[in-house]
N, C-alpha and C. Protein backbone atom coordinates (compact mmCIF):
# COMPACT_ATOMS: atom_id res chain seq x y z
N MET A 1 -114.23 -50.81 -28.36
CA MET A 1 -113.32 -51.25 -28.84
C MET A 1 -112.44 -49.12 -29.07
N ILE A 2 -113.49 -48.81 -28.61
CA ILE A 2 -113.23 -46.99 -29.37
C ILE A 2 -112.66 -46.57 -27.69
N SER A 3 -112.61 -47.31 -26.17
CA SER A 3 -111.94 -46.88 -25.23
C SER A 3 -110.69 -47.12 -25.62
N LYS A 4 -110.58 -48.57 -25.74
CA LYS A 4 -109.27 -49.02 -26.33
C LYS A 4 -108.15 -48.51 -27.17
N ARG A 5 -108.34 -47.95 -28.18
CA ARG A 5 -108.33 -46.95 -29.00
C ARG A 5 -107.64 -45.81 -28.42
N LYS A 6 -108.61 -45.00 -27.45
CA LYS A 6 -108.45 -44.18 -27.21
C LYS A 6 -106.94 -44.18 -26.01
N ILE A 7 -107.19 -45.53 -25.28
CA ILE A 7 -105.73 -45.76 -24.03
C ILE A 7 -104.55 -46.05 -24.91
N LEU A 8 -104.56 -46.07 -26.14
CA LEU A 8 -103.46 -46.36 -26.63
C LEU A 8 -102.35 -45.64 -27.14
N THR A 9 -103.75 -44.84 -27.69
CA THR A 9 -103.57 -43.50 -28.15
C THR A 9 -102.12 -42.42 -27.03
N LYS A 10 -103.31 -42.47 -26.13
CA LYS A 10 -102.54 -41.87 -24.91
C LYS A 10 -101.17 -42.09 -24.88
N ALA A 11 -100.79 -43.48 -24.49
CA ALA A 11 -100.30 -44.32 -24.48
C ALA A 11 -99.16 -43.24 -25.15
N VAL A 12 -99.63 -44.13 -26.41
CA VAL A 12 -98.48 -43.71 -27.09
C VAL A 12 -97.98 -42.45 -27.52
N ALA A 13 -99.19 -40.94 -27.01
CA ALA A 13 -97.90 -39.89 -27.20
C ALA A 13 -97.64 -39.69 -25.82
N ILE A 14 -97.69 -40.32 -24.47
CA ILE A 14 -97.04 -39.98 -23.57
C ILE A 14 -95.33 -40.89 -23.29
N THR A 15 -95.50 -41.85 -24.37
CA THR A 15 -93.83 -42.79 -24.91
C THR A 15 -93.12 -41.16 -25.71
N VAL A 16 -93.68 -40.66 -26.43
CA VAL A 16 -93.37 -39.80 -27.41
C VAL A 16 -92.41 -38.74 -26.37
N VAL A 17 -93.64 -38.23 -25.59
CA VAL A 17 -93.58 -37.25 -25.39
C VAL A 17 -92.63 -37.27 -24.11
N CYS A 18 -91.97 -38.69 -23.84
CA CYS A 18 -91.35 -38.50 -22.82
C CYS A 18 -89.31 -38.77 -23.34
N ALA A 19 -90.12 -39.04 -24.65
CA ALA A 19 -88.94 -39.22 -25.37
C ALA A 19 -87.97 -37.97 -25.81
N ALA A 20 -88.76 -36.99 -25.89
CA ALA A 20 -88.34 -35.88 -26.42
C ALA A 20 -88.09 -35.41 -25.02
N VAL A 21 -88.73 -35.32 -24.10
CA VAL A 21 -87.90 -35.41 -22.68
C VAL A 21 -86.62 -35.46 -22.55
N ALA A 22 -86.40 -36.85 -22.37
CA ALA A 22 -85.06 -37.45 -22.79
C ALA A 22 -84.23 -36.99 -23.61
N MET A 23 -84.40 -36.63 -24.82
CA MET A 23 -83.29 -36.06 -25.93
C MET A 23 -83.52 -34.80 -25.24
N VAL A 24 -83.76 -33.77 -25.10
CA VAL A 24 -83.39 -32.79 -24.47
C VAL A 24 -83.19 -31.91 -22.99
N GLY A 25 -82.72 -33.45 -22.09
CA GLY A 25 -81.94 -33.44 -20.76
C GLY A 25 -80.55 -33.71 -21.41
N ALA A 26 -80.56 -34.63 -22.91
CA ALA A 26 -79.39 -35.85 -22.55
C ALA A 26 -78.21 -34.48 -23.74
N GLU A 27 -78.99 -33.64 -24.45
CA GLU A 27 -78.75 -32.14 -25.39
C GLU A 27 -77.54 -31.44 -23.95
N SER A 28 -78.92 -31.09 -22.95
CA SER A 28 -78.70 -29.40 -21.78
C SER A 28 -77.45 -30.42 -21.46
N ILE A 29 -77.19 -31.16 -20.57
CA ILE A 29 -76.51 -31.83 -20.09
C ILE A 29 -75.48 -31.90 -20.84
N SER A 30 -75.29 -32.77 -22.14
CA SER A 30 -74.03 -32.72 -23.33
C SER A 30 -73.69 -30.98 -23.51
N ALA A 31 -74.13 -30.46 -23.39
CA ALA A 31 -74.13 -28.95 -23.88
C ALA A 31 -73.32 -28.52 -22.36
N ASP A 32 -73.71 -28.58 -20.40
CA ASP A 32 -73.18 -28.11 -19.61
C ASP A 32 -71.81 -28.87 -19.76
N THR A 33 -71.06 -30.66 -19.63
CA THR A 33 -70.23 -30.92 -20.36
C THR A 33 -69.03 -30.08 -20.72
N SER A 34 -69.37 -29.92 -22.14
CA SER A 34 -69.22 -29.07 -22.80
C SER A 34 -68.76 -27.63 -22.70
N ALA A 35 -69.84 -26.65 -22.47
CA ALA A 35 -68.86 -25.85 -21.80
C ALA A 35 -68.28 -25.75 -20.70
N LYS A 36 -68.75 -26.55 -19.72
CA LYS A 36 -67.29 -26.51 -19.27
C LYS A 36 -66.02 -26.99 -18.36
N THR A 37 -66.24 -27.90 -19.47
CA THR A 37 -64.63 -28.83 -21.17
C THR A 37 -64.10 -27.29 -21.04
N LYS A 38 -64.80 -26.79 -21.93
CA LYS A 38 -64.26 -25.15 -22.07
C LYS A 38 -63.75 -24.77 -21.66
N GLN A 39 -64.42 -24.92 -20.43
CA GLN A 39 -63.99 -23.46 -19.44
C GLN A 39 -63.06 -23.59 -18.38
N GLY A 40 -62.68 -25.13 -18.34
CA GLY A 40 -61.33 -25.49 -18.10
C GLY A 40 -61.15 -25.12 -18.70
N VAL A 41 -60.66 -25.50 -20.23
CA VAL A 41 -59.26 -25.47 -20.58
C VAL A 41 -59.15 -23.81 -21.01
N VAL A 42 -60.50 -22.42 -20.57
CA VAL A 42 -59.60 -21.00 -20.76
C VAL A 42 -58.71 -21.17 -19.14
N LEU A 43 -59.33 -22.13 -18.45
CA LEU A 43 -58.56 -21.58 -17.03
C LEU A 43 -57.71 -22.48 -17.03
N LYS A 44 -57.15 -23.19 -17.14
CA LYS A 44 -55.81 -23.92 -17.19
C LYS A 44 -54.56 -23.14 -18.39
N THR A 45 -55.82 -23.04 -19.35
CA THR A 45 -54.51 -21.80 -20.82
C THR A 45 -54.65 -20.04 -19.57
N SER A 46 -55.11 -19.75 -18.71
CA SER A 46 -54.34 -18.66 -18.51
C SER A 46 -54.19 -19.11 -17.16
N GLU A 47 -53.81 -19.92 -16.86
CA GLU A 47 -53.14 -20.34 -15.47
C GLU A 47 -51.67 -20.59 -16.06
N LEU A 48 -52.03 -21.15 -16.93
CA LEU A 48 -50.23 -21.44 -18.10
C LEU A 48 -49.84 -20.36 -18.48
N LYS A 49 -50.74 -18.81 -18.59
CA LYS A 49 -50.29 -17.66 -19.05
C LYS A 49 -49.52 -17.20 -17.34
N VAL A 50 -50.12 -16.85 -17.00
CA VAL A 50 -49.52 -16.18 -16.20
C VAL A 50 -48.81 -16.68 -15.18
N ASN A 51 -48.19 -17.89 -14.92
CA ASN A 51 -47.26 -19.32 -14.75
C ASN A 51 -46.37 -18.44 -15.21
N LYS A 52 -46.48 -18.06 -17.01
CA LYS A 52 -44.75 -17.65 -18.05
C LYS A 52 -44.30 -16.56 -17.58
N VAL A 53 -45.84 -15.42 -17.17
CA VAL A 53 -45.89 -13.56 -16.11
C VAL A 53 -44.61 -14.44 -15.53
N ILE A 54 -44.64 -14.89 -14.51
CA ILE A 54 -44.07 -15.08 -12.95
C ILE A 54 -42.49 -15.56 -12.97
N VAL A 55 -43.20 -16.98 -13.91
CA VAL A 55 -41.37 -17.03 -13.73
C VAL A 55 -40.05 -15.87 -14.68
N SER A 56 -40.54 -16.04 -15.85
CA SER A 56 -39.68 -15.01 -16.88
C SER A 56 -39.12 -13.79 -16.03
N PRO A 57 -39.80 -13.24 -14.45
CA PRO A 57 -38.46 -11.85 -14.94
C PRO A 57 -38.07 -12.93 -13.47
N LYS A 58 -38.28 -13.69 -13.22
CA LYS A 58 -37.11 -14.45 -11.70
C LYS A 58 -35.83 -14.96 -12.28
N LYS A 59 -36.02 -15.12 -13.68
CA LYS A 59 -35.00 -15.40 -14.23
C LYS A 59 -33.65 -14.30 -14.57
N VAL A 60 -34.79 -13.22 -14.95
CA VAL A 60 -34.19 -12.06 -15.74
C VAL A 60 -33.45 -11.11 -14.16
N GLU A 61 -33.56 -11.51 -13.10
CA GLU A 61 -34.09 -10.97 -11.76
C GLU A 61 -32.43 -10.88 -11.38
N GLU A 62 -32.66 -13.23 -11.54
CA GLU A 62 -31.46 -13.27 -11.38
C GLU A 62 -29.91 -13.14 -12.04
N GLN A 63 -29.76 -12.79 -13.39
CA GLN A 63 -29.45 -12.46 -14.27
C GLN A 63 -28.87 -11.13 -13.96
N ASN A 64 -29.36 -9.79 -13.69
CA ASN A 64 -28.75 -8.56 -12.64
C ASN A 64 -28.22 -8.87 -12.11
N THR A 65 -28.67 -9.74 -10.97
CA THR A 65 -27.58 -10.09 -9.59
C THR A 65 -26.10 -10.55 -9.38
N VAL A 66 -25.52 -11.39 -10.41
CA VAL A 66 -24.87 -11.74 -11.31
C VAL A 66 -23.85 -11.05 -11.85
N GLN A 67 -24.01 -10.35 -13.15
CA GLN A 67 -23.50 -9.51 -13.60
C GLN A 67 -22.59 -8.42 -12.53
N PRO A 68 -23.40 -7.15 -11.86
CA PRO A 68 -22.87 -5.64 -11.28
C PRO A 68 -21.85 -7.08 -10.47
N SER A 69 -21.88 -8.21 -9.97
CA SER A 69 -20.53 -8.54 -9.25
C SER A 69 -19.30 -8.78 -10.02
N ARG A 70 -19.53 -9.28 -10.66
CA ARG A 70 -18.21 -9.51 -11.53
C ARG A 70 -17.52 -8.09 -11.86
N SER A 71 -18.36 -6.74 -12.25
CA SER A 71 -18.23 -5.58 -12.61
C SER A 71 -16.78 -4.79 -11.26
N SER A 72 -17.59 -5.03 -10.50
CA SER A 72 -17.00 -4.34 -8.60
C SER A 72 -16.06 -5.26 -8.85
N ASN A 73 -16.10 -6.70 -8.44
CA ASN A 73 -14.92 -7.43 -8.35
C ASN A 73 -13.35 -6.53 -9.53
N THR A 74 -13.44 -7.04 -10.89
CA THR A 74 -12.89 -5.91 -11.88
C THR A 74 -11.71 -4.90 -10.73
N THR A 75 -13.27 -3.73 -10.68
CA THR A 75 -12.82 -2.52 -10.30
C THR A 75 -11.73 -2.42 -8.78
N GLY A 76 -12.08 -3.32 -8.28
CA GLY A 76 -11.85 -3.32 -7.00
C GLY A 76 -9.79 -3.58 -7.63
N LYS A 77 -9.38 -5.72 -8.28
CA LYS A 77 -9.02 -5.44 -8.62
C LYS A 77 -8.14 -4.67 -9.37
N LYS A 78 -8.44 -3.51 -10.00
CA LYS A 78 -7.57 -2.78 -10.51
C LYS A 78 -7.38 -1.72 -9.65
N ASN A 79 -8.16 -0.80 -8.82
CA ASN A 79 -7.48 -0.29 -7.96
C ASN A 79 -6.43 -0.42 -7.18
N THR A 80 -6.93 -1.68 -6.68
CA THR A 80 -5.62 -1.76 -5.65
C THR A 80 -4.09 -1.94 -6.54
N SER A 81 -4.35 -2.49 -7.50
CA SER A 81 -3.50 -2.39 -8.64
C SER A 81 -2.55 -1.37 -8.90
N SER A 82 -3.40 0.19 -8.87
CA SER A 82 -2.80 1.21 -8.99
C SER A 82 -2.63 2.06 -8.24
N SER A 83 -2.08 1.60 -6.64
CA SER A 83 -1.58 2.06 -4.71
C SER A 83 -0.62 1.55 -4.98
N ILE A 84 -0.01 1.14 -5.91
CA ILE A 84 1.75 1.07 -5.17
C ILE A 84 2.83 1.99 -5.07
N ASN A 85 3.69 2.42 -4.17
CA ASN A 85 4.70 3.43 -5.04
C ASN A 85 6.02 3.01 -4.22
N ARG A 86 6.51 2.63 -4.93
CA ARG A 86 8.70 2.21 -4.83
C ARG A 86 8.72 2.51 -4.21
N GLY A 87 9.08 3.95 -4.38
CA GLY A 87 9.92 5.50 -3.23
C GLY A 87 11.21 5.35 -3.71
N VAL A 88 12.88 6.02 -2.73
CA VAL A 88 13.32 5.77 -3.65
C VAL A 88 14.18 4.57 -2.33
N ASN A 89 15.23 3.59 -3.30
CA ASN A 89 16.46 2.59 -3.24
C ASN A 89 16.04 3.29 -1.51
N LYS A 90 16.33 2.19 -0.96
CA LYS A 90 16.73 1.83 1.09
C LYS A 90 18.17 2.03 0.72
N SER A 91 18.49 1.19 0.12
CA SER A 91 20.38 1.19 0.08
C SER A 91 21.25 1.75 -0.26
N SER A 92 20.56 2.00 -1.59
CA SER A 92 21.14 4.40 -1.65
C SER A 92 21.17 4.73 -1.08
N SER A 93 20.49 5.28 -0.05
CA SER A 93 21.21 6.00 1.06
C SER A 93 20.94 6.04 1.96
N GLN A 94 21.14 4.48 2.20
CA GLN A 94 22.34 4.30 3.66
C GLN A 94 23.71 4.19 3.41
N VAL A 95 23.86 4.33 1.74
CA VAL A 95 25.48 4.33 1.67
C VAL A 95 25.65 5.62 1.75
N ALA A 96 24.64 6.62 1.48
CA ALA A 96 25.28 8.39 1.46
C ALA A 96 25.20 8.93 3.05
N ASN A 97 24.38 8.36 3.40
CA ASN A 97 24.20 8.48 5.20
C ASN A 97 25.44 8.09 5.83
N TYR A 98 26.18 6.03 5.22
CA TYR A 98 27.05 6.35 6.23
C TYR A 98 28.70 6.58 5.92
N ALA A 99 28.16 7.42 4.46
CA ALA A 99 29.43 8.81 3.24
C ALA A 99 29.89 9.81 4.77
N TYR A 100 28.74 9.27 5.97
CA TYR A 100 28.49 11.67 6.48
C TYR A 100 29.92 10.92 8.03
N ASN A 101 29.87 9.42 8.40
CA ASN A 101 31.16 9.64 9.13
C ASN A 101 32.03 10.27 9.43
N PHE A 102 33.02 9.84 7.45
CA PHE A 102 33.92 10.81 7.53
C PHE A 102 34.96 11.09 6.92
N LEU A 103 33.20 12.80 7.03
CA LEU A 103 33.64 14.54 6.22
C LEU A 103 35.52 14.42 7.80
N GLY A 104 36.13 14.87 7.08
CA GLY A 104 36.95 16.31 8.12
C GLY A 104 38.37 14.62 7.89
N ARG A 105 37.93 13.75 7.55
CA ARG A 105 39.38 12.64 7.08
C ARG A 105 40.22 13.16 6.30
N PRO A 106 41.50 12.32 6.12
CA PRO A 106 42.85 13.21 5.45
C PRO A 106 42.42 12.55 4.15
N TYR A 107 42.91 13.32 2.82
CA TYR A 107 43.24 13.08 1.96
C TYR A 107 44.88 12.56 1.99
N VAL A 108 44.87 11.36 1.42
CA VAL A 108 46.39 10.92 1.36
C VAL A 108 46.45 10.14 0.14
N TYR A 109 47.06 10.41 -1.41
CA TYR A 109 47.10 9.83 -2.14
C TYR A 109 47.32 7.58 -2.49
N GLY A 110 46.35 7.48 -2.59
CA GLY A 110 46.38 5.26 -2.58
C GLY A 110 46.21 5.05 -0.80
N ALA A 111 45.43 5.98 -0.09
CA ALA A 111 44.70 5.82 0.70
C ALA A 111 43.63 5.04 0.70
N ASN A 112 42.89 4.12 1.47
CA ASN A 112 41.70 3.24 1.40
C ASN A 112 40.76 3.17 2.98
N GLY A 113 41.46 4.09 3.93
CA GLY A 113 40.93 4.37 5.28
C GLY A 113 40.99 2.78 5.57
N PRO A 114 40.87 3.24 7.23
CA PRO A 114 39.03 3.90 7.26
C PRO A 114 39.75 5.28 8.13
N ASN A 115 41.36 5.24 8.26
CA ASN A 115 41.90 6.81 9.16
C ASN A 115 42.01 7.92 7.73
N ALA A 116 42.24 7.98 6.49
CA ALA A 116 42.28 8.32 5.30
C ALA A 116 41.99 7.46 4.28
N PHE A 117 41.81 8.80 3.08
CA PHE A 117 41.28 8.06 1.51
C PHE A 117 42.04 8.87 0.43
N ASP A 118 41.45 8.53 -0.28
CA ASP A 118 42.40 8.92 -1.66
C ASP A 118 40.41 8.93 -2.10
N CYS A 119 40.15 9.22 -3.47
CA CYS A 119 38.78 9.45 -4.30
C CYS A 119 38.01 8.31 -4.61
N SER A 120 39.12 8.07 -5.08
CA SER A 120 37.99 6.08 -5.27
C SER A 120 38.62 5.20 -4.16
N GLY A 121 39.87 5.57 -3.27
CA GLY A 121 39.60 4.83 -1.43
C GLY A 121 38.38 4.81 -0.95
N PHE A 122 37.47 6.21 -1.10
CA PHE A 122 36.69 6.40 0.09
C PHE A 122 35.33 5.80 -0.59
N THR A 123 34.87 5.84 -2.03
CA THR A 123 34.15 5.72 -2.83
C THR A 123 34.29 3.67 -2.45
N SER A 124 35.25 3.26 -2.30
CA SER A 124 35.47 1.62 -2.61
C SER A 124 35.20 1.01 -0.24
N TYR A 125 35.49 1.85 -0.03
CA TYR A 125 35.20 1.90 1.49
C TYR A 125 34.38 2.13 2.00
N VAL A 126 33.95 2.76 1.41
CA VAL A 126 31.86 3.03 1.91
C VAL A 126 31.36 2.17 1.41
N TYR A 127 30.96 1.73 0.67
CA TYR A 127 30.98 0.52 -0.77
C TYR A 127 31.30 -0.83 -0.13
N ARG A 128 31.86 -1.04 -0.20
CA ARG A 128 32.65 -2.33 0.91
C ARG A 128 31.64 -2.72 2.21
N HIS A 129 31.19 -1.56 3.15
CA HIS A 129 30.91 -2.32 4.26
C HIS A 129 28.74 -2.46 3.97
N PHE A 130 28.85 -2.14 2.61
CA PHE A 130 27.42 -2.49 2.14
C PHE A 130 27.15 -4.52 1.60
N GLY A 131 28.52 -4.59 1.60
CA GLY A 131 28.83 -5.75 0.38
C GLY A 131 29.29 -5.50 -0.58
N VAL A 132 29.84 -4.36 -1.15
CA VAL A 132 29.94 -4.89 -2.75
C VAL A 132 31.36 -4.30 -3.06
N SER A 133 32.20 -4.89 -3.64
CA SER A 133 33.34 -4.67 -4.33
C SER A 133 33.72 -4.23 -5.44
N LEU A 134 33.72 -2.33 -5.44
CA LEU A 134 34.09 -1.82 -6.59
C LEU A 134 35.68 -1.79 -6.49
N PRO A 135 36.21 -1.54 -8.09
CA PRO A 135 37.43 -1.07 -8.50
C PRO A 135 37.90 -0.38 -7.19
N ARG A 136 39.12 -0.41 -7.99
CA ARG A 136 40.54 0.64 -6.82
C ARG A 136 40.47 1.96 -7.10
N THR A 137 40.78 1.91 -8.91
CA THR A 137 40.35 3.78 -9.25
C THR A 137 39.58 3.94 -9.91
N ALA A 138 39.28 5.96 -10.56
CA ALA A 138 38.58 6.38 -10.57
C ALA A 138 37.72 5.82 -12.16
N SER A 139 38.97 5.15 -12.79
CA SER A 139 37.91 5.35 -14.14
C SER A 139 37.78 3.68 -14.09
N SER A 140 37.53 2.66 -13.34
CA SER A 140 38.05 1.42 -13.40
C SER A 140 36.28 1.63 -12.85
N GLN A 141 36.18 2.51 -11.96
CA GLN A 141 34.66 2.91 -11.26
C GLN A 141 33.85 2.51 -11.94
N PHE A 142 34.30 3.58 -13.15
CA PHE A 142 33.31 4.08 -14.12
C PHE A 142 32.51 3.04 -14.89
N SER A 143 32.60 2.09 -14.80
CA SER A 143 31.97 0.74 -15.25
C SER A 143 31.17 0.11 -14.62
N ALA A 144 31.65 0.77 -13.44
CA ALA A 144 30.67 -0.33 -12.49
C ALA A 144 28.67 0.17 -12.43
N GLY A 145 28.25 -1.11 -11.63
CA GLY A 145 26.44 -0.64 -12.13
C GLY A 145 26.27 0.07 -13.74
N SER A 146 25.08 1.20 -13.54
CA SER A 146 24.48 1.70 -14.68
C SER A 146 24.56 2.83 -15.13
N ALA A 147 24.50 3.24 -15.88
CA ALA A 147 24.51 4.41 -16.02
C ALA A 147 23.69 5.38 -16.19
N VAL A 148 23.07 6.37 -15.05
CA VAL A 148 22.01 7.36 -14.71
C VAL A 148 22.22 9.19 -15.31
N SER A 149 21.34 9.34 -15.62
CA SER A 149 21.85 10.75 -16.16
C SER A 149 21.33 11.81 -15.25
N ARG A 150 22.41 13.25 -15.06
CA ARG A 150 22.90 13.76 -14.34
C ARG A 150 21.19 14.42 -13.13
N ASN A 151 20.07 14.47 -14.32
CA ASN A 151 18.32 14.56 -13.95
C ASN A 151 18.06 13.94 -13.18
N ASN A 152 18.47 12.59 -12.87
CA ASN A 152 17.29 11.18 -12.14
C ASN A 152 18.71 11.00 -11.05
N LEU A 153 19.82 12.11 -11.04
CA LEU A 153 20.72 11.24 -9.48
C LEU A 153 20.50 10.92 -8.13
N ALA A 154 20.45 9.72 -8.03
CA ALA A 154 19.76 9.18 -6.10
C ALA A 154 21.31 9.24 -5.27
N PRO A 155 20.77 9.97 -3.83
CA PRO A 155 21.67 8.98 -3.34
C PRO A 155 22.17 8.59 -3.20
N GLY A 156 23.52 8.56 -3.43
CA GLY A 156 24.18 6.69 -3.01
C GLY A 156 25.04 6.50 -4.36
N ASP A 157 24.77 7.49 -5.70
CA ASP A 157 25.34 7.15 -7.29
C ASP A 157 26.48 7.54 -7.08
N LEU A 158 27.13 6.68 -8.23
CA LEU A 158 28.83 7.25 -8.19
C LEU A 158 29.12 8.35 -9.09
N VAL A 159 29.49 9.26 -9.07
CA VAL A 159 29.45 10.73 -9.91
C VAL A 159 31.04 11.23 -10.08
N PHE A 160 31.50 11.24 -11.18
CA PHE A 160 32.51 11.60 -11.78
C PHE A 160 33.09 12.35 -12.10
N PHE A 161 34.52 12.97 -12.82
CA PHE A 161 34.47 14.23 -12.92
C PHE A 161 36.44 13.83 -14.01
N ASN A 162 36.15 14.39 -15.30
CA ASN A 162 37.88 14.85 -15.59
C ASN A 162 38.43 15.75 -15.29
N THR A 163 39.11 15.32 -13.75
CA THR A 163 40.24 16.55 -12.86
C THR A 163 41.27 16.90 -14.50
N VAL A 164 42.06 16.08 -14.34
CA VAL A 164 43.24 16.44 -15.22
C VAL A 164 43.70 15.02 -16.86
N GLY A 165 42.26 15.76 -17.69
CA GLY A 165 41.93 15.35 -19.18
C GLY A 165 41.19 14.02 -18.68
N TYR A 166 41.28 12.90 -18.03
CA TYR A 166 40.59 11.93 -17.79
C TYR A 166 39.50 11.62 -16.84
N LEU A 167 38.91 10.37 -16.65
CA LEU A 167 38.73 10.48 -15.86
C LEU A 167 39.83 10.21 -14.41
N GLY A 168 39.19 11.20 -13.44
CA GLY A 168 40.75 11.24 -12.32
C GLY A 168 40.27 11.50 -11.07
N HIS A 169 38.60 11.53 -9.86
CA HIS A 169 37.86 11.79 -9.58
C HIS A 169 36.55 10.92 -9.52
N VAL A 170 36.36 11.11 -8.84
CA VAL A 170 34.86 9.94 -8.24
C VAL A 170 34.25 10.66 -6.53
N GLY A 171 32.71 10.30 -6.63
CA GLY A 171 32.39 10.95 -5.25
C GLY A 171 31.42 10.54 -5.40
N LEU A 172 30.45 10.74 -3.63
CA LEU A 172 29.08 10.31 -3.78
C LEU A 172 28.06 11.20 -4.04
N TYR A 173 27.47 10.46 -4.49
CA TYR A 173 26.06 12.13 -4.96
C TYR A 173 24.81 11.90 -3.73
N ILE A 174 24.75 12.79 -2.46
CA ILE A 174 24.13 12.88 -1.77
C ILE A 174 22.22 13.57 -1.64
N GLY A 175 22.38 13.74 -2.73
CA GLY A 175 21.06 14.41 -2.99
C GLY A 175 21.42 16.18 -2.97
N GLY A 176 20.35 17.19 -3.29
CA GLY A 176 20.23 17.98 -3.02
C GLY A 176 21.22 19.01 -4.05
N GLY A 177 21.99 18.32 -4.82
CA GLY A 177 23.03 18.55 -6.28
C GLY A 177 24.41 18.74 -5.45
N ASP A 178 24.61 17.88 -4.32
CA ASP A 178 25.81 17.94 -3.00
C ASP A 178 26.42 16.47 -3.39
N PHE A 179 27.57 16.25 -3.53
CA PHE A 179 28.63 15.02 -3.38
C PHE A 179 29.21 14.87 -2.43
N ILE A 180 29.80 13.58 -1.51
CA ILE A 180 30.67 13.42 -0.53
C ILE A 180 32.40 13.08 -1.01
N HIS A 181 32.97 13.55 -0.83
CA HIS A 181 34.63 12.93 -1.46
C HIS A 181 35.63 14.10 -0.49
N ALA A 182 36.58 12.71 -1.26
CA ALA A 182 38.52 12.70 -0.70
C ALA A 182 38.43 13.58 -1.78
N ALA A 183 38.41 15.47 -1.26
CA ALA A 183 39.41 16.09 -1.92
C ALA A 183 40.48 16.14 -1.64
N SER A 184 41.45 16.03 -2.91
CA SER A 184 43.28 16.24 -2.85
C SER A 184 43.42 17.28 -2.48
N SER A 185 42.52 18.45 -2.50
CA SER A 185 43.13 19.62 -1.56
C SER A 185 43.31 19.40 0.03
N GLY A 186 42.98 18.09 0.51
CA GLY A 186 43.19 17.60 1.83
C GLY A 186 42.46 17.39 2.70
N ARG A 187 41.05 16.75 2.71
CA ARG A 187 40.26 16.08 3.56
C ARG A 187 38.91 16.07 2.70
N VAL A 188 37.76 14.79 3.47
CA VAL A 188 36.94 14.52 3.14
C VAL A 188 35.68 16.40 3.28
N LYS A 189 35.25 15.95 1.84
CA LYS A 189 33.71 16.82 2.48
C LYS A 189 33.33 16.98 1.29
N ILE A 190 32.01 17.95 1.36
CA ILE A 190 31.29 18.46 1.09
C ILE A 190 31.30 19.17 -0.31
N SER A 191 30.84 19.09 -1.24
CA SER A 191 31.25 19.61 -1.96
C SER A 191 29.37 20.42 -3.41
N SER A 192 29.52 21.00 -4.22
CA SER A 192 28.21 21.21 -4.86
C SER A 192 28.56 20.89 -6.04
N LEU A 193 27.47 19.94 -7.53
CA LEU A 193 27.71 19.67 -8.60
C LEU A 193 27.74 21.55 -9.42
N SER A 194 26.82 22.36 -8.82
CA SER A 194 26.91 23.13 -9.56
C SER A 194 28.55 24.20 -9.04
N GLU A 195 28.87 24.30 -8.74
CA GLU A 195 30.48 24.54 -8.51
C GLU A 195 31.00 24.53 -9.65
N GLY A 196 31.73 25.80 -10.02
CA GLY A 196 32.21 26.05 -11.32
C GLY A 196 33.12 24.72 -11.96
N TYR A 197 34.43 24.71 -10.84
CA TYR A 197 35.12 23.47 -11.02
C TYR A 197 34.72 22.32 -11.15
N TYR A 198 33.76 21.31 -10.17
CA TYR A 198 33.04 20.33 -10.89
C TYR A 198 32.23 20.55 -11.56
N ARG A 199 31.28 21.08 -11.99
CA ARG A 199 30.45 21.79 -13.64
C ARG A 199 30.71 21.36 -14.65
N THR A 200 31.96 22.38 -14.56
CA THR A 200 32.70 22.06 -16.07
C THR A 200 33.30 20.70 -16.32
N ARG A 201 33.80 20.64 -15.32
CA ARG A 201 34.13 18.76 -14.94
C ARG A 201 33.35 17.55 -15.15
N TYR A 202 32.23 18.02 -14.55
CA TYR A 202 30.90 16.60 -14.78
C TYR A 202 31.41 15.76 -15.98
N ALA A 203 31.61 14.18 -15.49
CA ALA A 203 31.58 13.25 -16.79
C ALA A 203 30.34 12.76 -16.52
N GLY A 204 29.90 12.16 -15.88
CA GLY A 204 29.44 11.08 -15.84
C GLY A 204 28.46 10.62 -14.48
N ALA A 205 27.72 9.43 -14.43
CA ALA A 205 27.42 9.21 -12.65
C ALA A 205 27.34 7.22 -13.72
N ARG A 206 27.50 6.67 -12.12
CA ARG A 206 26.63 5.80 -12.20
C ARG A 206 26.09 4.86 -11.14
N ARG A 207 24.71 4.36 -11.34
CA ARG A 207 24.46 3.65 -10.13
C ARG A 207 24.61 2.36 -10.06
N VAL A 208 25.05 1.88 -8.54
CA VAL A 208 25.04 0.70 -8.34
C VAL A 208 24.18 0.00 -7.82
N PHE A 209 23.55 0.75 -7.34
CA PHE A 209 22.30 -0.53 -6.49
C PHE A 209 21.03 -0.66 -7.72
């Protein structure tokens, strides 16, 4: 009887020990799994943080790349628009140059060329060559084109004078303060606006082109 009890007691003790060992192993496994899970969370979180840091600078770089290209295009347009220069009216210069062909032709009252001229006949003949029809007298030619100040005269402008108490004389400005005209003194010639006679009788100027 005594031996059977001892055997039973040992068996119970062994069973208890095995159960205890099994419980400890289960807790260890659970702890390991939890630790691994937590570690996995930490790793995932750190990976997300790294991804955010990598993506964010790319967006900033793209924005910085677009903005300079817009500003450079705007600057290019402004520079292009600021470099244009029109210069002197080409047709007006041609009018003045054509008038030189008649230097020395005689003055004849009422004549309108090409062998002889009076003052308004000369200016109307020259402009007719370029397809412009001017009135026949000096006073009526003063209504042609647009007014221009003496300081802004350009070759080809009509210049007028009060030679007989009214607008009685007209010539073509050729630049440098000079004009070409059919003078009643006898021929087509070049005179200066600063000459006493014409300086005191200057009445105005008109631009046809």
